[in-house]
Amino acid sequence: MGKSDSEVIALFNEQVNMTAEELEAWLDDPQSRKAGTGVGIESGHRIVEILRKNPGKMPDGYDEEDITHMRKVVSYNSRHLAQEDHLKETKTIEELEKAKSTISLKNWGHDPVKVKLERDAKSASDDNRGADDQCAQDGPEASEEDADGLGEIDTSLRVGGMETESVEDDALEVTYYET
């Protein structure tokens, strides 16, 4: 038995990671024609229509024709992602951008380069968070007194030639200082 309409809609919205504007610009780029037979280009234009028709991605905002095409998109993307998802781990961004599989997937609304960049950024953020945790264990340096003499706690930490400061939402701001 096939996927329900609600499953197809959810997978479509998960797999199609390009906006209508991004996809339309991509389809206008001659690079988009370097893979496949043109079926992906046609599909991409239909995806743009679906995205523009229902920008809020409301499940009840799709008609049967939309869902029929979304089912094709999910089928194509699922099959190709299962076969080729490992390429994001083995290729550089430049190599990935030129791969026929990337070109084809982008024609179908999925940009593997965007996924790789997001994963790399998350990985770097996780690495920084680990360093931040280590800094927190080392404790803050001596506090500085503020202008009115009441004293203020200095939340900066100095570790390995870097000064870190706690800022809003656990973001990490790093500034270098001379040792």
C-alpha atoms as a PDB file:
ATOM      1  CA  MET A   1       0.000   0.000   0.000  1.00  0.00           C
ATOM      2  CA  GLY A   2       1.239   3.492  -0.843  1.00  0.00           C
ATOM      3  CA  LYS A   3       1.725   6.467   1.424  1.00  0.00           C
ATOM      4  CA  SER A   4      -1.299   8.421   2.600  1.00  0.00           C
ATOM      5  CA  ASP A   5      -1.843  11.943   1.302  1.00  0.00           C
ATOM      6  CA  SER A   6      -0.775  13.385   4.662  1.00  0.00           C
ATOM      7  CA  GLU A   7       2.471  11.357   4.581  1.00  0.00           C
ATOM      8  CA  VAL A   8       3.170  12.536   1.021  1.00  0.00           C
ATOM      9  CA  ILE A   9       2.552  16.165   1.980  1.00  0.00           C
ATOM     10  CA  ALA A  10       4.861  15.902   5.006  1.00  0.00           C
ATOM     11  CA  LEU A  11       7.635  14.219   2.996  1.00  0.00           C
ATOM     12  CA  PHE A  12       7.276  16.699   0.139  1.00  0.00           C
ATOM     13  CA  ASN A  13       7.627  19.630   2.534  1.00  0.00           C
ATOM     14  CA  GLU A  14      10.636  17.963   4.173  1.00  0.00           C
ATOM     15  CA  GLN A  15      12.423  16.992   0.946  1.00  0.00           C
ATOM     16  CA  VAL A  16      11.732  20.131  -1.087  1.00  0.00           C
ATOM     17  CA  ASN A  17      14.167  22.407   0.696  1.00  0.00           C
ATOM     18  CA  MET A  18      14.273  25.157  -1.939  1.00  0.00           C
ATOM     19  CA  THR A  19      11.931  28.136  -1.926  1.00  0.00           C
ATOM     20  CA  ALA A  20       9.850  28.908  -4.994  1.00  0.00           C
ATOM     21  CA  GLU A  21      12.247  31.762  -5.784  1.00  0.00           C
ATOM     22  CA  GLU A  22      15.374  29.621  -5.374  1.00  0.00           C
ATOM     23  CA  LEU A  23      13.951  26.845  -7.514  1.00  0.00           C
ATOM     24  CA  GLU A  24      12.748  29.203 -10.221  1.00  0.00           C
ATOM     25  CA  ALA A  25      16.167  30.904 -10.387  1.00  0.00           C
ATOM     26  CA  TRP A  26      17.818  27.488 -10.553  1.00  0.00           C
ATOM     27  CA  LEU A  27      15.551  26.325 -13.383  1.00  0.00           C
ATOM     28  CA  ASP A  28      16.459  29.489 -15.331  1.00  0.00           C
ATOM     29  CA  ASP A  29      20.167  28.707 -14.926  1.00  0.00           C
ATOM     30  CA  PRO A  30      21.673  26.773 -17.889  1.00  0.00           C
ATOM     31  CA  GLN A  31      23.404  24.508 -15.330  1.00  0.00           C
ATOM     32  CA  SER A  32      19.995  22.968 -14.509  1.00  0.00           C
ATOM     33  CA  ARG A  33      19.863  21.397 -17.974  1.00  0.00           C
ATOM     34  CA  LYS A  34      23.102  19.433 -17.544  1.00  0.00           C
ATOM     35  CA  ALA A  35      21.380  16.360 -16.117  1.00  0.00           C
ATOM     36  CA  GLY A  36      18.377  14.299 -17.120  1.00  0.00           C
ATOM     37  CA  THR A  37      15.984  14.508 -20.013  1.00  0.00           C
ATOM     38  CA  GLY A  38      13.946  17.584 -19.122  1.00  0.00           C
ATOM     39  CA  VAL A  39      11.379  15.740 -17.015  1.00  0.00           C
ATOM     40  CA  GLY A  40      13.025  17.180 -13.903  1.00  0.00           C
ATOM     41  CA  ILE A  41      12.814  20.708 -15.326  1.00  0.00           C
ATOM     42  CA  GLU A  42       9.084  20.248 -15.986  1.00  0.00           C
ATOM     43  CA  SER A  43       8.660  18.823 -12.490  1.00  0.00           C
ATOM     44  CA  GLY A  44      10.561  21.769 -11.022  1.00  0.00           C
ATOM     45  CA  HIS A  45       8.215  24.260 -12.681  1.00  0.00           C
ATOM     46  CA  ARG A  46       5.235  22.354 -11.267  1.00  0.00           C
ATOM     47  CA  ILE A  47       6.870  22.380  -7.814  1.00  0.00           C
ATOM     48  CA  VAL A  48       7.242  26.177  -8.083  1.00  0.00           C
ATOM     49  CA  GLU A  49       3.492  26.412  -8.800  1.00  0.00           C
ATOM     50  CA  ILE A  50       2.692  24.225  -5.774  1.00  0.00           C
ATOM     51  CA  LEU A  51       4.966  26.248  -3.477  1.00  0.00           C
ATOM     52  CA  ARG A  52       3.498  29.549  -4.642  1.00  0.00           C
ATOM     53  CA  LYS A  53      -0.071  28.280  -4.422  1.00  0.00           C
ATOM     54  CA  ASN A  54       0.313  27.253  -0.787  1.00  0.00           C
ATOM     55  CA  PRO A  55       3.234  29.186   0.775  1.00  0.00           C
ATOM     56  CA  GLY A  56       2.040  28.343   4.286  1.00  0.00           C
ATOM     57  CA  LYS A  57       2.214  24.624   3.443  1.00  0.00           C
ATOM     58  CA  MET A  58      -1.233  24.050   4.914  1.00  0.00           C
ATOM     59  CA  PRO A  59      -2.244  20.409   4.365  1.00  0.00           C
ATOM     60  CA  ASP A  60      -5.727  21.374   3.182  1.00  0.00           C
ATOM     61  CA  GLY A  61      -4.258  23.880   0.693  1.00  0.00           C
ATOM     62  CA  TYR A  62      -3.407  21.217  -1.909  1.00  0.00           C
ATOM     63  CA  ASP A  63      -5.750  19.718  -4.483  1.00  0.00           C
ATOM     64  CA  GLU A  64      -5.602  16.209  -5.961  1.00  0.00           C
ATOM     65  CA  GLU A  65      -3.402  17.327  -8.891  1.00  0.00           C
ATOM     66  CA  ASP A  66      -0.932  18.873  -6.454  1.00  0.00           C
ATOM     67  CA  ILE A  67      -0.821  15.719  -4.338  1.00  0.00           C
ATOM     68  CA  THR A  68      -0.398  13.534  -7.427  1.00  0.00           C
ATOM     69  CA  HIS A  69       2.656  15.553  -8.442  1.00  0.00           C
ATOM     70  CA  MET A  70       3.924  15.722  -4.870  1.00  0.00           C
ATOM     71  CA  ARG A  71       3.754  11.921  -4.796  1.00  0.00           C
ATOM     72  CA  LYS A  72       6.024  11.785  -7.894  1.00  0.00           C
ATOM     73  CA  VAL A  73       8.443  14.248  -6.301  1.00  0.00           C
ATOM     74  CA  VAL A  74       8.598  12.261  -3.056  1.00  0.00           C
ATOM     75  CA  SER A  75       9.107   9.017  -4.973  1.00  0.00           C
ATOM     76  CA  TYR A  76      11.903  10.469  -7.109  1.00  0.00           C
ATOM     77  CA  ASN A  77      13.663  12.280  -4.267  1.00  0.00           C
ATOM     78  CA  SER A  78      13.364   9.343  -1.849  1.00  0.00           C
ATOM     79  CA  ARG A  79      14.846   6.945  -4.379  1.00  0.00           C
ATOM     80  CA  HIS A  80      17.737   9.236  -5.327  1.00  0.00           C
ATOM     81  CA  LEU A  81      18.480  10.356  -1.789  1.00  0.00           C
ATOM     82  CA  ALA A  82      18.670   6.706  -0.675  1.00  0.00           C
ATOM     83  CA  GLN A  83      21.170   5.993  -3.462  1.00  0.00           C
ATOM     84  CA  GLU A  84      23.207   9.180  -3.365  1.00  0.00           C
ATOM     85  CA  ASP A  85      22.901  10.814   0.053  1.00  0.00           C
ATOM     86  CA  HIS A  86      26.384   9.582   0.971  1.00  0.00           C
ATOM     87  CA  LEU A  87      27.836  11.959  -1.639  1.00  0.00           C
ATOM     88  CA  LYS A  88      27.348  14.832   0.825  1.00  0.00           C
ATOM     89  CA  GLU A  89      29.855  13.110   3.099  1.00  0.00           C
ATOM     90  CA  THR A  90      32.465  12.240   0.460  1.00  0.00           C
ATOM     91  CA  LYS A  91      32.525  15.298  -1.816  1.00  0.00           C
ATOM     92  CA  THR A  92      33.558  18.890  -1.344  1.00  0.00           C
ATOM     93  CA  ILE A  93      30.965  21.615  -1.870  1.00  0.00           C
ATOM     94  CA  GLU A  94      32.477  22.366  -5.296  1.00  0.00           C
ATOM     95  CA  GLU A  95      32.375  18.697  -6.348  1.00  0.00           C
ATOM     96  CA  LEU A  96      28.859  18.288  -5.019  1.00  0.00           C
ATOM     97  CA  GLU A  97      27.614  21.366  -6.903  1.00  0.00           C
ATOM     98  CA  LYS A  98      28.848  19.895 -10.214  1.00  0.00           C
ATOM     99  CA  ALA A  99      27.575  16.343  -9.669  1.00  0.00           C
ATOM    100  CA  LYS A 100      24.795  15.255 -12.023  1.00  0.00           C
ATOM    101  CA  SER A 101      22.902  13.809  -9.079  1.00  0.00           C
ATOM    102  CA  THR A 102      22.891  17.246  -7.390  1.00  0.00           C
ATOM    103  CA  ILE A 103      21.716  18.937 -10.581  1.00  0.00           C
ATOM    104  CA  SER A 104      18.936  16.410 -10.991  1.00  0.00           C
ATOM    105  CA  LEU A 105      17.819  16.603  -7.352  1.00  0.00           C
ATOM    106  CA  LYS A 106      17.769  20.408  -7.500  1.00  0.00           C
ATOM    107  CA  ASN A 107      15.497  20.185 -10.548  1.00  0.00           C
ATOM    108  CA  TRP A 108      13.154  18.204  -8.288  1.00  0.00           C
ATOM    109  CA  GLY A 109      13.353  20.835  -5.516  1.00  0.00           C
ATOM    110  CA  HIS A 110      15.978  19.270  -3.236  1.00  0.00           C
ATOM    111  CA  ASP A 111      19.338  21.014  -2.843  1.00  0.00           C
ATOM    112  CA  PRO A 112      21.921  18.632  -1.329  1.00  0.00           C
ATOM    113  CA  VAL A 113      24.474  21.452  -1.116  1.00  0.00           C
ATOM    114  CA  LYS A 114      22.123  23.370   1.185  1.00  0.00           C
ATOM    115  CA  VAL A 115      21.817  20.255   3.376  1.00  0.00           C
ATOM    116  CA  LYS A 116      25.608  19.820   3.489  1.00  0.00           C
ATOM    117  CA  LEU A 117      26.141  23.480   4.424  1.00  0.00           C
ATOM    118  CA  GLU A 118      23.503  23.216   7.170  1.00  0.00           C
ATOM    119  CA  ARG A 119      25.070  19.998   8.522  1.00  0.00           C
ATOM    120  CA  ASP A 120      28.563  21.524   8.440  1.00  0.00           C
ATOM    121  CA  ALA A 121      27.322  24.635  10.257  1.00  0.00           C
ATOM    122  CA  LYS A 122      25.559  22.501  12.871  1.00  0.00           C
ATOM    123  CA  SER A 123      28.666  20.380  13.317  1.00  0.00           C
ATOM    124  CA  ALA A 124      30.803  23.496  13.795  1.00  0.00           C
ATOM    125  CA  SER A 125      28.237  24.851  16.255  1.00  0.00           C
ATOM    126  CA  ASP A 126      28.290  21.563  18.181  1.00  0.00           C
ATOM    127  CA  ASP A 127      32.117  21.710  18.242  1.00  0.00           C
ATOM    128  CA  ASN A 128      31.974  25.261  19.613  1.00  0.00           C
ATOM    129  CA  ARG A 129      29.396  24.232  22.194  1.00  0.00           C
ATOM    130  CA  GLY A 130      31.800  21.538  23.424  1.00  0.00           C
ATOM    131  CA  ALA A 131      34.558  24.146  23.728  1.00  0.00           C
ATOM    132  CA  ASP A 132      32.112  26.439  25.527  1.00  0.00           C
ATOM    133  CA  ASP A 133      31.290  23.645  27.976  1.00  0.00           C
ATOM    134  CA  GLN A 134      35.005  23.193  28.680  1.00  0.00           C
ATOM    135  CA  CYS A 135      35.408  26.948  29.207  1.00  0.00           C
ATOM    136  CA  ALA A 136      32.496  26.949  31.636  1.00  0.00           C
ATOM    137  CA  GLN A 137      34.227  24.265  33.698  1.00  0.00           C
ATOM    138  CA  ASP A 138      37.337  26.471  33.978  1.00  0.00           C
ATOM    139  CA  GLY A 139      35.272  29.274  35.586  1.00  0.00           C
ATOM    140  CA  PRO A 140      35.244  33.030  35.023  1.00  0.00           C
ATOM    141  CA  GLU A 141      38.190  35.321  35.663  1.00  0.00           C
ATOM    142  CA  ALA A 142      38.151  38.031  38.283  1.00  0.00           C
ATOM    143  CA  SER A 143      35.243  40.456  38.082  1.00  0.00           C
ATOM    144  CA  GLU A 144      35.563  44.069  37.016  1.00  0.00           C
ATOM    145  CA  GLU A 145      34.072  46.948  38.956  1.00  0.00           C
ATOM    146  CA  ASP A 146      31.534  49.080  37.144  1.00  0.00           C
ATOM    147  CA  ALA A 147      31.420  52.897  37.111  1.00  0.00           C
ATOM    148  CA  ASP A 148      29.282  53.269  40.259  1.00  0.00           C
ATOM    149  CA  GLY A 149      31.602  51.085  42.316  1.00  0.00           C
ATOM    150  CA  LEU A 150      28.983  48.425  43.087  1.00  0.00           C
ATOM    151  CA  GLY A 151      30.789  45.780  41.118  1.00  0.00           C
ATOM    152  CA  GLU A 152      29.719  43.713  38.172  1.00  0.00           C
ATOM    153  CA  ILE A 153      30.364  40.079  37.389  1.00  0.00           C
ATOM    154  CA  ASP A 154      32.545  39.588  34.318  1.00  0.00           C
ATOM    155  CA  THR A 155      31.163  36.666  32.357  1.00  0.00           C
ATOM    156  CA  SER A 156      34.133  36.440  30.012  1.00  0.00           C
ATOM    157  CA  LEU A 157      36.461  33.473  30.099  1.00  0.00           C
ATOM    158  CA  ARG A 158      39.996  33.249  28.797  1.00  0.00           C
ATOM    159  CA  VAL A 159      41.086  29.911  27.443  1.00  0.00           C
ATOM    160  CA  GLY A 160      43.941  29.087  25.103  1.00  0.00           C
ATOM    161  CA  GLY A 161      44.510  32.638  23.873  1.00  0.00           C
ATOM    162  CA  MET A 162      40.821  33.376  23.259  1.00  0.00           C
ATOM    163  CA  GLU A 163      38.363  35.417  25.245  1.00  0.00           C
ATOM    164  CA  THR A 164      34.789  34.193  25.143  1.00  0.00           C
ATOM    165  CA  GLU A 165      31.727  36.032  26.321  1.00  0.00           C
ATOM    166  CA  SER A 166      28.294  34.670  27.116  1.00  0.00           C
ATOM    167  CA  VAL A 167      25.688  36.354  24.981  1.00  0.00           C
ATOM    168  CA  GLU A 168      21.982  35.934  24.374  1.00  0.00           C
ATOM    169  CA  ASP A 169      20.650  32.441  23.520  1.00  0.00           C
ATOM    170  CA  ASP A 170      23.879  30.578  24.325  1.00  0.00           C
ATOM    171  CA  ALA A 171      25.543  31.995  21.212  1.00  0.00           C
ATOM    172  CA  LEU A 172      29.299  32.166  21.480  1.00  0.00           C
ATOM    173  CA  GLU A 173      31.212  35.313  20.702  1.00  0.00           C
ATOM    174  CA  VAL A 174      34.958  34.866  20.371  1.00  0.00           C
ATOM    175  CA  THR A 175      37.546  37.633  20.336  1.00  0.00           C
ATOM    176  CA  TYR A 176      41.298  37.181  20.291  1.00  0.00           C
ATOM    177  CA  TYR A 177      43.561  39.002  22.701  1.00  0.00           C
ATOM    178  CA  GLU A 178      47.295  39.153  23.065  1.00  0.00           C
ATOM    179  CA  THR A 179      48.779  36.868  25.715  1.00  0.00           C
END
